[in-house]
Structure formats: C-alpha cells, structure tokens
Amino acid sequence: MRLLLDTHALLWYLGGSDKLSARARAEIESPGNTLLFSLAGAWEIAIKLSLGKLHLSVPFERLIPGELRANGIELLPISAAHAAAIVDLPMHHRDPFDRMLVVQGVKEGRHS
C-alpha cells in the first residue's frame, strides 16, 4: 500500500510521539508499504519554522531530505496535474496544504 503522510504524522513518527496512533505507527513501519511525504508538507514545515510556530530537534536541512531518506520515505513532488486538480476540488478543506494532500492522495492513489 502507498501511504501519503501528512505533516503531523511525519513529525510525530520521526519524533516518537505518542500522539501517533498505534495503528498509524504499525502501517508506517510495515515493510510492505511505500511511504510518501509531499513537498507541500515540507513547504508547510518551512513556513511554520520561519513564523516561530514550530521547533524541530534537528535542522530543517537534515529533516528534508535526510530523515526522509533514512526512514525510507519518498518526497512526492507537486506536479502541474496536482495543481490543476485543485480547481475542481470541493471546499471541504480551506487549508492550502491539506487541499494539496487531498489532490495528491487521489491522483497518486490511481497509480497504485
């Protein structure tokens, strides 16, 4: 299965937080799953760091892409097709990062 991790799931997983459910941790650690993290999430982390709303135990440059690579997580780029699909996405989510994750999850899920 392909799993697209959102920003909180990634940070909780890498930080060993108990905020990540046991089921989510098991799926992330399952060797049969392919793990993806969106460039939109990396962008979100960078913005929150610059605003002082997030603090990391490792520098951003080490987290992205170093910690991703070390944990077998692929960085999923944002394509023109992903951006175009947002035009038709219902406004269930107003957060632009969440909207991109929804679109990427749908688009990339079709490739599985």
N, C-alpha and C. Protein backbone atom coordinates (compact mmCIF):
# COMPACT_ATOMS: atom_id res chain seq x y z
N MET A 1 0.85 -1.17 0.00
CA MET A 1 0.00 0.00 0.00
C MET A 1 0.90 1.23 0.00
N ARG A 2 0.44 2.30 -0.66
CA ARG A 2 1.15 3.57 -0.66
C ARG A 2 0.50 4.48 0.37
N LEU A 3 1.31 5.03 1.26
CA LEU A 3 0.81 5.89 2.32
C LEU A 3 1.38 7.30 2.13
N LEU A 4 0.50 8.28 2.03
CA LEU A 4 0.91 9.67 1.95
C LEU A 4 0.77 10.26 3.35
N LEU A 5 1.90 10.54 3.98
CA LEU A 5 1.90 11.04 5.35
C LEU A 5 1.65 12.54 5.36
N ASP A 6 0.79 12.98 6.26
CA ASP A 6 0.63 14.42 6.42
C ASP A 6 1.73 14.93 7.34
N THR A 7 1.80 16.24 7.50
CA THR A 7 2.90 16.86 8.25
C THR A 7 2.93 16.38 9.69
N HIS A 8 1.78 16.37 10.36
CA HIS A 8 1.76 15.93 11.76
C HIS A 8 2.19 14.47 11.88
N ALA A 9 1.67 13.62 11.02
CA ALA A 9 2.02 12.19 11.10
C ALA A 9 3.53 12.01 10.94
N LEU A 10 4.12 12.72 9.99
CA LEU A 10 5.56 12.61 9.79
C LEU A 10 6.33 13.06 11.02
N LEU A 11 6.01 14.26 11.52
CA LEU A 11 6.73 14.79 12.67
C LEU A 11 6.52 13.93 13.91
N TRP A 12 5.31 13.45 14.13
CA TRP A 12 5.04 12.58 15.27
C TRP A 12 5.81 11.27 15.14
N TYR A 13 5.83 10.72 13.93
CA TYR A 13 6.55 9.46 13.72
C TYR A 13 8.04 9.64 13.96
N LEU A 14 8.63 10.64 13.33
CA LEU A 14 10.07 10.86 13.48
C LEU A 14 10.45 11.22 14.91
N GLY A 15 9.55 11.90 15.60
CA GLY A 15 9.82 12.29 16.98
C GLY A 15 9.44 11.25 18.02
N GLY A 16 8.86 10.14 17.58
CA GLY A 16 8.46 9.08 18.52
C GLY A 16 7.30 9.49 19.43
N SER A 17 6.47 10.43 18.96
CA SER A 17 5.37 10.94 19.77
C SER A 17 4.25 9.91 19.97
N ASP A 18 3.66 9.94 21.16
CA ASP A 18 2.52 9.07 21.42
C ASP A 18 1.23 9.66 20.83
N LYS A 19 1.32 10.82 20.19
CA LYS A 19 0.16 11.39 19.50
C LYS A 19 -0.18 10.59 18.25
N LEU A 20 0.81 9.85 17.72
CA LEU A 20 0.57 8.99 16.56
C LEU A 20 -0.04 7.69 17.06
N SER A 21 -1.18 7.32 16.49
CA SER A 21 -1.86 6.11 16.95
C SER A 21 -1.01 4.87 16.68
N ALA A 22 -1.28 3.83 17.46
CA ALA A 22 -0.56 2.57 17.29
C ALA A 22 -0.79 2.00 15.89
N ARG A 23 -2.00 2.15 15.39
CA ARG A 23 -2.31 1.63 14.06
C ARG A 23 -1.53 2.38 12.98
N ALA A 24 -1.48 3.72 13.11
CA ALA A 24 -0.74 4.51 12.14
C ALA A 24 0.74 4.15 12.19
N ARG A 25 1.29 4.02 13.38
CA ARG A 25 2.71 3.65 13.51
C ARG A 25 2.97 2.28 12.88
N ALA A 26 2.08 1.34 13.11
CA ALA A 26 2.23 -0.01 12.54
C ALA A 26 2.22 0.05 11.01
N GLU A 27 1.32 0.85 10.44
CA GLU A 27 1.25 0.97 8.97
C GLU A 27 2.52 1.62 8.42
N ILE A 28 3.00 2.65 9.10
CA ILE A 28 4.22 3.32 8.66
C ILE A 28 5.41 2.36 8.72
N GLU A 29 5.46 1.54 9.74
CA GLU A 29 6.59 0.63 9.93
C GLU A 29 6.45 -0.67 9.16
N SER A 30 5.31 -0.91 8.53
CA SER A 30 5.11 -2.14 7.77
C SER A 30 6.01 -2.14 6.53
N PRO A 31 6.86 -3.16 6.39
CA PRO A 31 7.79 -3.17 5.26
C PRO A 31 7.11 -3.28 3.89
N GLY A 32 5.86 -3.68 3.86
CA GLY A 32 5.15 -3.80 2.59
C GLY A 32 4.59 -2.49 2.07
N ASN A 33 4.65 -1.45 2.88
CA ASN A 33 4.08 -0.16 2.48
C ASN A 33 5.14 0.78 1.92
N THR A 34 4.75 1.57 0.94
CA THR A 34 5.58 2.63 0.38
C THR A 34 5.16 3.93 1.04
N LEU A 35 6.11 4.64 1.61
CA LEU A 35 5.81 5.88 2.33
C LEU A 35 6.16 7.09 1.47
N LEU A 36 5.22 8.03 1.42
CA LEU A 36 5.40 9.26 0.66
C LEU A 36 5.16 10.45 1.58
N PHE A 37 5.90 11.53 1.34
CA PHE A 37 5.68 12.79 2.04
C PHE A 37 5.70 13.88 0.98
N SER A 38 4.67 14.69 0.96
CA SER A 38 4.52 15.71 -0.07
C SER A 38 5.47 16.88 0.12
N LEU A 39 5.93 17.40 -0.98
CA LEU A 39 6.69 18.64 -0.95
C LEU A 39 5.86 19.75 -0.30
N ALA A 40 4.54 19.66 -0.42
CA ALA A 40 3.66 20.64 0.25
C ALA A 40 3.86 20.59 1.76
N GLY A 41 4.08 19.41 2.32
CA GLY A 41 4.34 19.28 3.75
C GLY A 41 5.68 19.88 4.14
N ALA A 42 6.69 19.69 3.29
CA ALA A 42 7.99 20.30 3.55
C ALA A 42 7.87 21.82 3.54
N TRP A 43 7.11 22.33 2.60
CA TRP A 43 6.86 23.76 2.50
C TRP A 43 6.14 24.27 3.75
N GLU A 44 5.15 23.50 4.21
CA GLU A 44 4.40 23.87 5.41
C GLU A 44 5.34 23.93 6.62
N ILE A 45 6.22 22.95 6.76
CA ILE A 45 7.18 22.94 7.87
C ILE A 45 8.07 24.17 7.80
N ALA A 46 8.58 24.47 6.61
CA ALA A 46 9.46 25.64 6.45
C ALA A 46 8.76 26.93 6.84
N ILE A 47 7.51 27.08 6.44
CA ILE A 47 6.75 28.28 6.77
C ILE A 47 6.53 28.38 8.29
N LYS A 48 6.14 27.27 8.91
CA LYS A 48 5.90 27.29 10.36
C LYS A 48 7.19 27.56 11.13
N LEU A 49 8.31 27.05 10.65
CA LEU A 49 9.59 27.35 11.28
C LEU A 49 9.90 28.84 11.19
N SER A 50 9.69 29.40 10.00
CA SER A 50 10.02 30.82 9.79
C SER A 50 9.13 31.74 10.62
N LEU A 51 7.91 31.30 10.94
CA LEU A 51 6.99 32.09 11.75
C LEU A 51 7.16 31.84 13.25
N GLY A 52 8.03 30.90 13.60
CA GLY A 52 8.23 30.56 15.01
C GLY A 52 7.12 29.71 15.60
N LYS A 53 6.29 29.11 14.74
CA LYS A 53 5.18 28.27 15.21
C LYS A 53 5.56 26.81 15.36
N LEU A 54 6.78 26.48 14.98
CA LEU A 54 7.25 25.09 15.05
C LEU A 54 8.73 25.12 15.40
N HIS A 55 9.13 24.16 16.22
CA HIS A 55 10.53 24.00 16.57
C HIS A 55 10.88 22.54 16.36
N LEU A 56 12.00 22.29 15.71
CA LEU A 56 12.44 20.93 15.42
C LEU A 56 13.66 20.59 16.24
N SER A 57 13.82 19.31 16.53
CA SER A 57 15.02 18.86 17.24
C SER A 57 16.21 18.70 16.32
N VAL A 58 15.96 18.72 15.01
CA VAL A 58 17.03 18.66 14.00
C VAL A 58 16.81 19.82 13.02
N PRO A 59 17.86 20.31 12.40
CA PRO A 59 17.69 21.38 11.42
C PRO A 59 16.83 20.93 10.23
N PHE A 60 16.11 21.88 9.65
CA PHE A 60 15.25 21.57 8.50
C PHE A 60 16.04 20.86 7.41
N GLU A 61 17.25 21.31 7.14
CA GLU A 61 18.07 20.73 6.08
C GLU A 61 18.41 19.27 6.34
N ARG A 62 18.39 18.87 7.60
CA ARG A 62 18.63 17.47 7.92
C ARG A 62 17.33 16.66 7.84
N LEU A 63 16.25 17.30 8.22
CA LEU A 63 14.95 16.62 8.18
C LEU A 63 14.55 16.31 6.75
N ILE A 64 14.64 17.34 5.91
CA ILE A 64 14.26 17.20 4.49
C ILE A 64 15.52 17.41 3.67
N PRO A 65 16.07 16.47 3.02
CA PRO A 65 15.58 15.11 2.78
C PRO A 65 16.23 14.03 3.64
N GLY A 66 17.18 14.39 4.51
CA GLY A 66 17.96 13.40 5.26
C GLY A 66 17.16 12.41 6.06
N GLU A 67 16.29 12.90 6.95
CA GLU A 67 15.49 12.00 7.78
C GLU A 67 14.48 11.22 6.94
N LEU A 68 14.00 11.84 5.88
CA LEU A 68 13.09 11.11 5.00
C LEU A 68 13.82 9.91 4.40
N ARG A 69 14.98 10.16 3.84
CA ARG A 69 15.76 9.09 3.22
C ARG A 69 16.11 8.01 4.24
N ALA A 70 16.55 8.42 5.41
CA ALA A 70 16.94 7.46 6.46
C ALA A 70 15.78 6.57 6.89
N ASN A 71 14.56 7.06 6.75
CA ASN A 71 13.37 6.31 7.16
C ASN A 71 12.60 5.72 5.99
N GLY A 72 13.20 5.75 4.80
CA GLY A 72 12.57 5.14 3.62
C GLY A 72 11.32 5.86 3.15
N ILE A 73 11.29 7.18 3.33
CA ILE A 73 10.13 7.97 2.94
C ILE A 73 10.49 8.77 1.69
N GLU A 74 9.70 8.61 0.63
CA GLU A 74 9.95 9.31 -0.63
C GLU A 74 9.31 10.69 -0.59
N LEU A 75 10.05 11.70 -1.09
CA LEU A 75 9.49 13.04 -1.20
C LEU A 75 8.68 13.10 -2.49
N LEU A 76 7.38 13.39 -2.36
CA LEU A 76 6.48 13.46 -3.51
C LEU A 76 6.42 14.89 -4.03
N PRO A 77 6.89 15.10 -5.25
CA PRO A 77 6.85 16.46 -5.80
C PRO A 77 5.42 16.91 -6.11
N ILE A 78 5.27 18.20 -6.27
CA ILE A 78 3.98 18.77 -6.70
C ILE A 78 4.05 18.95 -8.21
N SER A 79 3.14 18.31 -8.90
CA SER A 79 3.13 18.40 -10.37
C SER A 79 2.09 19.42 -10.84
N ALA A 80 2.18 19.78 -12.10
CA ALA A 80 1.18 20.67 -12.70
C ALA A 80 -0.21 20.01 -12.64
N ALA A 81 -0.25 18.69 -12.80
CA ALA A 81 -1.54 17.98 -12.73
C ALA A 81 -2.13 18.07 -11.32
N HIS A 82 -1.28 18.01 -10.30
CA HIS A 82 -1.77 18.17 -8.92
C HIS A 82 -2.36 19.56 -8.74
N ALA A 83 -1.63 20.57 -9.18
CA ALA A 83 -2.10 21.95 -9.03
C ALA A 83 -3.42 22.16 -9.79
N ALA A 84 -3.51 21.62 -11.00
CA ALA A 84 -4.72 21.80 -11.81
C ALA A 84 -5.93 21.14 -11.16
N ALA A 85 -5.73 20.02 -10.49
CA ALA A 85 -6.84 19.30 -9.87
C ALA A 85 -7.47 20.07 -8.72
N ILE A 86 -6.74 21.01 -8.14
CA ILE A 86 -7.29 21.80 -7.03
C ILE A 86 -8.45 22.66 -7.50
N VAL A 87 -8.45 23.04 -8.76
CA VAL A 87 -9.53 23.88 -9.31
C VAL A 87 -10.89 23.23 -9.08
N ASP A 88 -10.98 21.93 -9.24
CA ASP A 88 -12.25 21.22 -9.13
C ASP A 88 -12.49 20.58 -7.77
N LEU A 89 -11.58 20.78 -6.83
CA LEU A 89 -11.72 20.17 -5.51
C LEU A 89 -12.75 20.94 -4.68
N PRO A 90 -13.76 20.24 -4.14
CA PRO A 90 -14.73 20.93 -3.27
C PRO A 90 -14.02 21.57 -2.08
N MET A 91 -14.62 22.58 -1.51
CA MET A 91 -14.00 23.34 -0.43
C MET A 91 -14.22 22.69 0.95
N HIS A 92 -13.99 21.39 1.04
CA HIS A 92 -14.09 20.72 2.34
C HIS A 92 -12.96 21.16 3.25
N HIS A 93 -11.81 21.47 2.65
CA HIS A 93 -10.64 21.93 3.39
C HIS A 93 -10.25 23.30 2.86
N ARG A 94 -10.06 24.26 3.73
CA ARG A 94 -9.63 25.59 3.32
C ARG A 94 -8.11 25.72 3.35
N ASP A 95 -7.47 24.89 4.17
CA ASP A 95 -6.02 24.94 4.29
C ASP A 95 -5.38 24.50 2.97
N PRO A 96 -4.54 25.34 2.38
CA PRO A 96 -3.96 25.00 1.06
C PRO A 96 -3.08 23.75 1.10
N PHE A 97 -2.41 23.49 2.20
CA PHE A 97 -1.57 22.30 2.29
C PHE A 97 -2.43 21.04 2.35
N ASP A 98 -3.52 21.09 3.12
CA ASP A 98 -4.44 19.96 3.17
C ASP A 98 -5.08 19.72 1.81
N ARG A 99 -5.42 20.79 1.12
CA ARG A 99 -6.02 20.64 -0.21
C ARG A 99 -5.07 19.94 -1.17
N MET A 100 -3.79 20.30 -1.10
CA MET A 100 -2.82 19.64 -1.97
C MET A 100 -2.68 18.17 -1.61
N LEU A 101 -2.68 17.85 -0.33
CA LEU A 101 -2.57 16.45 0.07
C LEU A 101 -3.76 15.63 -0.42
N VAL A 102 -4.96 16.22 -0.35
CA VAL A 102 -6.15 15.51 -0.85
C VAL A 102 -5.98 15.20 -2.33
N VAL A 103 -5.60 16.21 -3.09
CA VAL A 103 -5.42 16.02 -4.54
C VAL A 103 -4.34 14.99 -4.83
N GLN A 104 -3.22 15.11 -4.13
CA GLN A 104 -2.14 14.15 -4.37
C GLN A 104 -2.56 12.74 -3.97
N GLY A 105 -3.28 12.62 -2.87
CA GLY A 105 -3.74 11.29 -2.46
C GLY A 105 -4.64 10.66 -3.51
N VAL A 106 -5.53 11.43 -4.08
CA VAL A 106 -6.42 10.92 -5.12
C VAL A 106 -5.63 10.58 -6.38
N LYS A 107 -4.84 11.52 -6.85
CA LYS A 107 -4.08 11.32 -8.10
C LYS A 107 -3.08 10.18 -7.97
N GLU A 108 -2.32 10.17 -6.89
CA GLU A 108 -1.29 9.15 -6.72
C GLU A 108 -1.90 7.79 -6.39
N GLY A 109 -3.07 7.78 -5.76
CA GLY A 109 -3.74 6.53 -5.45
C GLY A 109 -4.17 5.77 -6.69
N ARG A 110 -4.39 6.51 -7.75
CA ARG A 110 -4.78 5.87 -9.03
C ARG A 110 -3.62 5.14 -9.68
N HIS A 111 -2.39 5.43 -9.23
CA HIS A 111 -1.21 4.80 -9.81
C HIS A 111 -0.85 3.50 -9.10
N SER A 112 -1.55 3.22 -8.00
CA SER A 112 -1.20 2.01 -7.19
C SER A 112 -1.69 0.75 -7.86
